[in-house]
């Protein structure tokens, strides 16, 4: 079976009204969420959908990715994915990542890719941990065709959960597929965790 062509799409066009700053490009314990995702998807085909104001910053952070602009970012997540959908050949599978969920591990992507390429019938694939679905969500050509039917808004669940499509859930042990920087409290908690991990690494290195 031929390997699928997978294009990763990072959605980073949100206005971040609740946060008061652009989450995708703001330093988080020294490295922005977008830069963290850039390391995860390095070496893969990547498209980043952002807004006009962030275009230059996004391009500088991940210069090897294709940067697309959503002219109507307030229309929600679906409108951003449609920008990538229309710019990408129809036979490709889109692996959708969110800029405010930057802690997914590279080995989780590798597991999803292997499962996707081994599946005989799969329109939508997503990782699951502790019974919860996370990102990335992979939309094959048949699922992508349904995206144009989704009303404007912030959810892709209408396509992800469409009962007429073939779904595959991939069990993993990666809590990063769920961690969402959607509130100031979540941002501060993630920053503290990262700083604590860095301190433990320095201590271990000094003792070695």
C-alpha atoms as a PDB file:
ATOM      1  CA  UNK A   1       0.000   0.000   0.000  1.00  0.00           C
ATOM      2  CA  UNK A   2       1.384   3.408  -0.989  1.00  0.00           C
ATOM      3  CA  UNK A   3       2.037   5.835   1.834  1.00  0.00           C
ATOM      4  CA  UNK A   4      -0.421   8.677   2.151  1.00  0.00           C
ATOM      5  CA  UNK A   5       0.695  12.207   1.477  1.00  0.00           C
ATOM      6  CA  UNK A   6       0.312  14.006   4.808  1.00  0.00           C
ATOM      7  CA  UNK A   7       0.403  17.786   5.176  1.00  0.00           C
ATOM      8  CA  UNK A   8       0.421  19.121   8.715  1.00  0.00           C
ATOM      9  CA  UNK A   9      -1.680  22.229   9.248  1.00  0.00           C
ATOM     10  CA  UNK A  10      -1.043  24.380  12.319  1.00  0.00           C
ATOM     11  CA  UNK A  11      -3.972  26.666  13.075  1.00  0.00           C
ATOM     12  CA  UNK A  12      -2.616  29.899  14.550  1.00  0.00           C
ATOM     13  CA  UNK A  13      -5.017  32.630  13.460  1.00  0.00           C
ATOM     14  CA  UNK A  14      -7.024  33.089  16.643  1.00  0.00           C
ATOM     15  CA  UNK A  15      -7.371  36.500  18.228  1.00  0.00           C
ATOM     16  CA  UNK A  16      -6.650  35.282  21.801  1.00  0.00           C
ATOM     17  CA  UNK A  17      -9.118  37.764  23.269  1.00  0.00           C
ATOM     18  CA  UNK A  18      -9.196  35.944  26.612  1.00  0.00           C
ATOM     19  CA  UNK A  19      -5.412  36.002  26.968  1.00  0.00           C
ATOM     20  CA  UNK A  20      -4.646  39.588  25.969  1.00  0.00           C
ATOM     21  CA  UNK A  21      -1.717  38.500  23.767  1.00  0.00           C
ATOM     22  CA  UNK A  22      -1.024  36.308  20.736  1.00  0.00           C
ATOM     23  CA  UNK A  23      -0.563  32.852  22.263  1.00  0.00           C
ATOM     24  CA  UNK A  24       1.073  31.299  19.212  1.00  0.00           C
ATOM     25  CA  UNK A  25       4.083  33.615  19.189  1.00  0.00           C
ATOM     26  CA  UNK A  26       4.385  34.639  22.856  1.00  0.00           C
ATOM     27  CA  UNK A  27       7.415  33.161  24.708  1.00  0.00           C
ATOM     28  CA  UNK A  28       6.381  30.368  27.068  1.00  0.00           C
ATOM     29  CA  UNK A  29       9.289  29.548  29.390  1.00  0.00           C
ATOM     30  CA  UNK A  30      11.586  30.869  26.670  1.00  0.00           C
ATOM     31  CA  UNK A  31      10.021  29.300  23.587  1.00  0.00           C
ATOM     32  CA  UNK A  32       6.704  30.107  21.934  1.00  0.00           C
ATOM     33  CA  UNK A  33       4.007  27.438  21.427  1.00  0.00           C
ATOM     34  CA  UNK A  34       4.524  27.744  17.686  1.00  0.00           C
ATOM     35  CA  UNK A  35       8.263  27.125  18.004  1.00  0.00           C
ATOM     36  CA  UNK A  36       7.561  24.079  20.164  1.00  0.00           C
ATOM     37  CA  UNK A  37       5.269  22.647  17.496  1.00  0.00           C
ATOM     38  CA  UNK A  38       7.851  23.499  14.860  1.00  0.00           C
ATOM     39  CA  UNK A  39      10.318  21.113  16.520  1.00  0.00           C
ATOM     40  CA  UNK A  40       7.671  18.380  16.619  1.00  0.00           C
ATOM     41  CA  UNK A  41       6.820  18.593  12.899  1.00  0.00           C
ATOM     42  CA  UNK A  42      10.323  19.386  11.639  1.00  0.00           C
ATOM     43  CA  UNK A  43      11.132  17.466   8.471  1.00  0.00           C
ATOM     44  CA  UNK A  44       7.485  17.174   7.450  1.00  0.00           C
ATOM     45  CA  UNK A  45       5.356  19.183   5.029  1.00  0.00           C
ATOM     46  CA  UNK A  46       3.747  21.966   7.065  1.00  0.00           C
ATOM     47  CA  UNK A  47       1.286  24.778   6.454  1.00  0.00           C
ATOM     48  CA  UNK A  48       0.588  27.399   9.104  1.00  0.00           C
ATOM     49  CA  UNK A  49      -2.628  29.382   8.928  1.00  0.00           C
ATOM     50  CA  UNK A  50      -2.381  32.695  10.745  1.00  0.00           C
ATOM     51  CA  UNK A  51      -3.699  36.240  10.522  1.00  0.00           C
ATOM     52  CA  UNK A  52      -2.130  39.177   8.710  1.00  0.00           C
ATOM     53  CA  UNK A  53      -0.745  40.761  11.890  1.00  0.00           C
ATOM     54  CA  UNK A  54       1.180  37.615  12.877  1.00  0.00           C
ATOM     55  CA  UNK A  55       2.347  36.599   9.411  1.00  0.00           C
ATOM     56  CA  UNK A  56       5.872  38.052   9.697  1.00  0.00           C
ATOM     57  CA  UNK A  57       6.463  36.651  13.192  1.00  0.00           C
ATOM     58  CA  UNK A  58       5.177  33.212  12.211  1.00  0.00           C
ATOM     59  CA  UNK A  59       7.339  33.135   9.086  1.00  0.00           C
ATOM     60  CA  UNK A  60      10.426  34.021  11.131  1.00  0.00           C
ATOM     61  CA  UNK A  61       9.749  31.316  13.726  1.00  0.00           C
ATOM     62  CA  UNK A  62       9.257  28.453  11.240  1.00  0.00           C
ATOM     63  CA  UNK A  63      10.829  29.720   7.987  1.00  0.00           C
ATOM     64  CA  UNK A  64      10.638  26.369   6.227  1.00  0.00           C
ATOM     65  CA  UNK A  65       6.829  26.107   6.534  1.00  0.00           C
ATOM     66  CA  UNK A  66       4.269  27.522   4.094  1.00  0.00           C
ATOM     67  CA  UNK A  67       2.438  30.396   5.786  1.00  0.00           C
ATOM     68  CA  UNK A  68      -1.160  31.064   4.760  1.00  0.00           C
ATOM     69  CA  UNK A  69      -3.303  34.003   5.871  1.00  0.00           C
ATOM     70  CA  UNK A  70      -6.901  33.755   7.008  1.00  0.00           C
ATOM     71  CA  UNK A  71      -8.422  37.114   6.117  1.00  0.00           C
ATOM     72  CA  UNK A  72     -11.389  36.451   8.433  1.00  0.00           C
ATOM     73  CA  UNK A  73      -9.813  34.872  11.549  1.00  0.00           C
ATOM     74  CA  UNK A  74     -12.736  35.822  13.785  1.00  0.00           C
ATOM     75  CA  UNK A  75     -14.890  33.424  11.748  1.00  0.00           C
ATOM     76  CA  UNK A  76     -13.284  30.607  13.740  1.00  0.00           C
ATOM     77  CA  UNK A  77     -11.222  27.465  13.442  1.00  0.00           C
ATOM     78  CA  UNK A  78     -13.150  25.992  10.543  1.00  0.00           C
ATOM     79  CA  UNK A  79     -12.487  29.062   8.404  1.00  0.00           C
ATOM     80  CA  UNK A  80      -8.747  28.677   9.020  1.00  0.00           C
ATOM     81  CA  UNK A  81      -8.735  24.998   8.077  1.00  0.00           C
ATOM     82  CA  UNK A  82     -10.649  25.823   4.903  1.00  0.00           C
ATOM     83  CA  UNK A  83      -7.820  28.195   3.912  1.00  0.00           C
ATOM     84  CA  UNK A  84      -5.395  25.265   4.055  1.00  0.00           C
ATOM     85  CA  UNK A  85      -7.875  22.881   2.442  1.00  0.00           C
ATOM     86  CA  UNK A  86      -8.286  25.136  -0.587  1.00  0.00           C
ATOM     87  CA  UNK A  87      -4.534  25.669  -0.916  1.00  0.00           C
ATOM     88  CA  UNK A  88      -3.660  21.955  -0.809  1.00  0.00           C
ATOM     89  CA  UNK A  89      -4.024  19.231  -3.412  1.00  0.00           C
ATOM     90  CA  UNK A  90      -7.269  17.285  -2.781  1.00  0.00           C
ATOM     91  CA  UNK A  91      -5.643  13.854  -2.443  1.00  0.00           C
ATOM     92  CA  UNK A  92      -3.516  14.839   0.567  1.00  0.00           C
ATOM     93  CA  UNK A  93      -4.414  14.048   4.162  1.00  0.00           C
ATOM     94  CA  UNK A  94      -4.387  17.068   6.480  1.00  0.00           C
ATOM     95  CA  UNK A  95      -3.018  16.541   9.988  1.00  0.00           C
ATOM     96  CA  UNK A  96      -4.485  19.385  12.031  1.00  0.00           C
ATOM     97  CA  UNK A  97      -2.566  20.793  14.993  1.00  0.00           C
ATOM     98  CA  UNK A  98      -3.583  23.751  17.149  1.00  0.00           C
ATOM     99  CA  UNK A  99      -1.068  26.423  18.152  1.00  0.00           C
ATOM    100  CA  UNK A 100      -2.509  26.473  21.665  1.00  0.00           C
ATOM    101  CA  UNK A 101      -1.917  22.714  22.066  1.00  0.00           C
ATOM    102  CA  UNK A 102       1.874  22.688  21.650  1.00  0.00           C
ATOM    103  CA  UNK A 103       2.865  19.719  23.827  1.00  0.00           C
ATOM    104  CA  UNK A 104       2.051  16.767  21.574  1.00  0.00           C
ATOM    105  CA  UNK A 105       5.098  14.508  21.245  1.00  0.00           C
ATOM    106  CA  UNK A 106       6.887  13.653  18.022  1.00  0.00           C
ATOM    107  CA  UNK A 107       6.551   9.923  18.677  1.00  0.00           C
ATOM    108  CA  UNK A 108       2.768  10.382  18.843  1.00  0.00           C
ATOM    109  CA  UNK A 109       2.826  11.803  15.323  1.00  0.00           C
ATOM    110  CA  UNK A 110       4.948   8.872  14.197  1.00  0.00           C
ATOM    111  CA  UNK A 111       2.481   6.404  15.735  1.00  0.00           C
ATOM    112  CA  UNK A 112      -0.462   8.130  14.048  1.00  0.00           C
ATOM    113  CA  UNK A 113       1.341   8.164  10.698  1.00  0.00           C
ATOM    114  CA  UNK A 114       2.125   4.448  10.884  1.00  0.00           C
ATOM    115  CA  UNK A 115      -1.464   3.640  11.793  1.00  0.00           C
ATOM    116  CA  UNK A 116      -2.814   5.866   9.045  1.00  0.00           C
ATOM    117  CA  UNK A 117      -0.642   4.232   6.398  1.00  0.00           C
ATOM    118  CA  UNK A 118      -1.528   0.731   7.607  1.00  0.00           C
ATOM    119  CA  UNK A 119      -5.291   1.341   7.668  1.00  0.00           C
ATOM    120  CA  UNK A 120      -7.232  -0.024   4.709  1.00  0.00           C
ATOM    121  CA  UNK A 121     -10.131   2.380   5.273  1.00  0.00           C
ATOM    122  CA  UNK A 122      -9.660   5.584   7.211  1.00  0.00           C
ATOM    123  CA  UNK A 123     -11.177   9.025   6.628  1.00  0.00           C
ATOM    124  CA  UNK A 124     -10.533  10.502  10.077  1.00  0.00           C
ATOM    125  CA  UNK A 125      -7.844   9.508  12.567  1.00  0.00           C
ATOM    126  CA  UNK A 126      -7.073  10.941  15.996  1.00  0.00           C
ATOM    127  CA  UNK A 127      -5.055   9.991  19.094  1.00  0.00           C
ATOM    128  CA  UNK A 128      -6.786   9.060  22.335  1.00  0.00           C
ATOM    129  CA  UNK A 129      -5.446   8.990  25.880  1.00  0.00           C
ATOM    130  CA  UNK A 130      -7.398   8.146  29.052  1.00  0.00           C
ATOM    131  CA  UNK A 131     -10.538   7.941  26.937  1.00  0.00           C
ATOM    132  CA  UNK A 132     -10.206  11.509  25.604  1.00  0.00           C
ATOM    133  CA  UNK A 133      -9.652  12.494  22.001  1.00  0.00           C
ATOM    134  CA  UNK A 134      -6.876  14.936  21.178  1.00  0.00           C
ATOM    135  CA  UNK A 135      -4.822  16.473  18.396  1.00  0.00           C
ATOM    136  CA  UNK A 136      -3.605  16.125  15.754  1.00  0.00           C
ATOM    137  CA  UNK A 137      -6.736  15.098  13.891  1.00  0.00           C
ATOM    138  CA  UNK A 138      -6.084  13.692  10.428  1.00  0.00           C
ATOM    139  CA  UNK A 139      -8.651  14.368   7.691  1.00  0.00           C
ATOM    140  CA  UNK A 140      -8.395  12.258   4.551  1.00  0.00           C
ATOM    141  CA  UNK A 141      -9.742  13.355   1.142  1.00  0.00           C
ATOM    142  CA  UNK A 142     -13.296  12.152   1.798  1.00  0.00           C
ATOM    143  CA  UNK A 143     -13.439  13.971   5.152  1.00  0.00           C
ATOM    144  CA  UNK A 144     -11.909  17.086   3.634  1.00  0.00           C
ATOM    145  CA  UNK A 145     -14.727  17.222   1.095  1.00  0.00           C
ATOM    146  CA  UNK A 146     -17.154  17.599   4.017  1.00  0.00           C
ATOM    147  CA  UNK A 147     -15.332  20.622   5.453  1.00  0.00           C
ATOM    148  CA  UNK A 148     -17.062  23.009   3.064  1.00  0.00           C
ATOM    149  CA  UNK A 149     -20.418  21.926   4.512  1.00  0.00           C
ATOM    150  CA  UNK A 150     -19.535  22.872   8.113  1.00  0.00           C
ATOM    151  CA  UNK A 151     -21.088  26.141   9.350  1.00  0.00           C
ATOM    152  CA  UNK A 152     -18.702  28.902  10.385  1.00  0.00           C
ATOM    153  CA  UNK A 153     -17.472  28.471  13.938  1.00  0.00           C
ATOM    154  CA  UNK A 154     -14.729  27.131  16.152  1.00  0.00           C
ATOM    155  CA  UNK A 155     -15.397  23.411  15.989  1.00  0.00           C
ATOM    156  CA  UNK A 156     -14.324  20.672  13.606  1.00  0.00           C
ATOM    157  CA  UNK A 157     -16.298  18.016  15.458  1.00  0.00           C
ATOM    158  CA  UNK A 158     -19.047  17.932  12.844  1.00  0.00           C
ATOM    159  CA  UNK A 159     -16.570  16.364  10.423  1.00  0.00           C
ATOM    160  CA  UNK A 160     -14.443  14.519  12.973  1.00  0.00           C
ATOM    161  CA  UNK A 161     -17.507  12.707  14.334  1.00  0.00           C
ATOM    162  CA  UNK A 162     -19.451  12.310  11.073  1.00  0.00           C
ATOM    163  CA  UNK A 163     -20.924   8.777  11.269  1.00  0.00           C
ATOM    164  CA  UNK A 164     -20.730   8.341   7.497  1.00  0.00           C
ATOM    165  CA  UNK A 165     -16.913   8.486   7.611  1.00  0.00           C
ATOM    166  CA  UNK A 166     -14.453   5.760   8.584  1.00  0.00           C
ATOM    167  CA  UNK A 167     -12.800   6.620  11.925  1.00  0.00           C
ATOM    168  CA  UNK A 168      -9.665   5.249  13.557  1.00  0.00           C
ATOM    169  CA  UNK A 169      -8.724   6.043  17.176  1.00  0.00           C
ATOM    170  CA  UNK A 170      -5.068   5.607  18.126  1.00  0.00           C
ATOM    171  CA  UNK A 171      -4.393   4.824  21.779  1.00  0.00           C
ATOM    172  CA  UNK A 172      -1.339   6.595  23.157  1.00  0.00           C
ATOM    173  CA  UNK A 173       0.241   7.696  26.446  1.00  0.00           C
ATOM    174  CA  UNK A 174       0.754  11.311  25.540  1.00  0.00           C
ATOM    175  CA  UNK A 175      -1.065  13.827  27.729  1.00  0.00           C
ATOM    176  CA  UNK A 176       0.224  16.545  25.403  1.00  0.00           C
ATOM    177  CA  UNK A 177      -2.533  15.742  22.921  1.00  0.00           C
ATOM    178  CA  UNK A 178      -4.981  17.241  25.445  1.00  0.00           C
ATOM    179  CA  UNK A 179      -3.157  20.143  27.129  1.00  0.00           C
ATOM    180  CA  UNK A 180      -4.796  23.346  25.937  1.00  0.00           C
ATOM    181  CA  UNK A 181      -3.459  26.841  26.653  1.00  0.00           C
ATOM    182  CA  UNK A 182      -6.931  28.340  26.492  1.00  0.00           C
ATOM    183  CA  UNK A 183      -6.914  30.388  29.711  1.00  0.00           C
ATOM    184  CA  UNK A 184      -4.389  32.527  31.617  1.00  0.00           C
ATOM    185  CA  UNK A 185      -4.426  29.886  34.365  1.00  0.00           C
ATOM    186  CA  UNK A 186      -3.551  27.123  31.907  1.00  0.00           C
ATOM    187  CA  UNK A 187      -0.751  29.264  30.473  1.00  0.00           C
ATOM    188  CA  UNK A 188       0.747  29.937  33.914  1.00  0.00           C
ATOM    189  CA  UNK A 189       0.485  26.267  34.902  1.00  0.00           C
ATOM    190  CA  UNK A 190       2.269  25.173  31.724  1.00  0.00           C
ATOM    191  CA  UNK A 191       4.973  27.789  32.207  1.00  0.00           C
ATOM    192  CA  UNK A 192       5.576  26.688  35.793  1.00  0.00           C
ATOM    193  CA  UNK A 193       5.751  23.038  34.741  1.00  0.00           C
ATOM    194  CA  UNK A 194       8.278  23.813  32.004  1.00  0.00           C
ATOM    195  CA  UNK A 195      10.432  25.901  34.347  1.00  0.00           C
ATOM    196  CA  UNK A 196      10.352  23.134  36.964  1.00  0.00           C
ATOM    197  CA  UNK A 197      11.373  20.540  34.372  1.00  0.00           C
ATOM    198  CA  UNK A 198      14.240  22.760  33.254  1.00  0.00           C
ATOM    199  CA  UNK A 199      15.409  23.175  36.871  1.00  0.00           C
ATOM    200  CA  UNK A 200      15.340  19.395  37.435  1.00  0.00           C
ATOM    201  CA  UNK A 201      17.374  18.875  34.254  1.00  0.00           C
ATOM    202  CA  UNK A 202      19.979  21.415  35.428  1.00  0.00           C
ATOM    203  CA  UNK A 203      20.190  19.699  38.824  1.00  0.00           C
ATOM    204  CA  UNK A 204      20.612  16.281  37.222  1.00  0.00           C
ATOM    205  CA  UNK A 205      23.300  17.625  34.907  1.00  0.00           C
ATOM    206  CA  UNK A 206      25.187  19.258  37.788  1.00  0.00           C
ATOM    207  CA  UNK A 207      25.169  15.973  39.749  1.00  0.00           C
ATOM    208  CA  UNK A 208      26.380  13.907  36.791  1.00  0.00           C
END
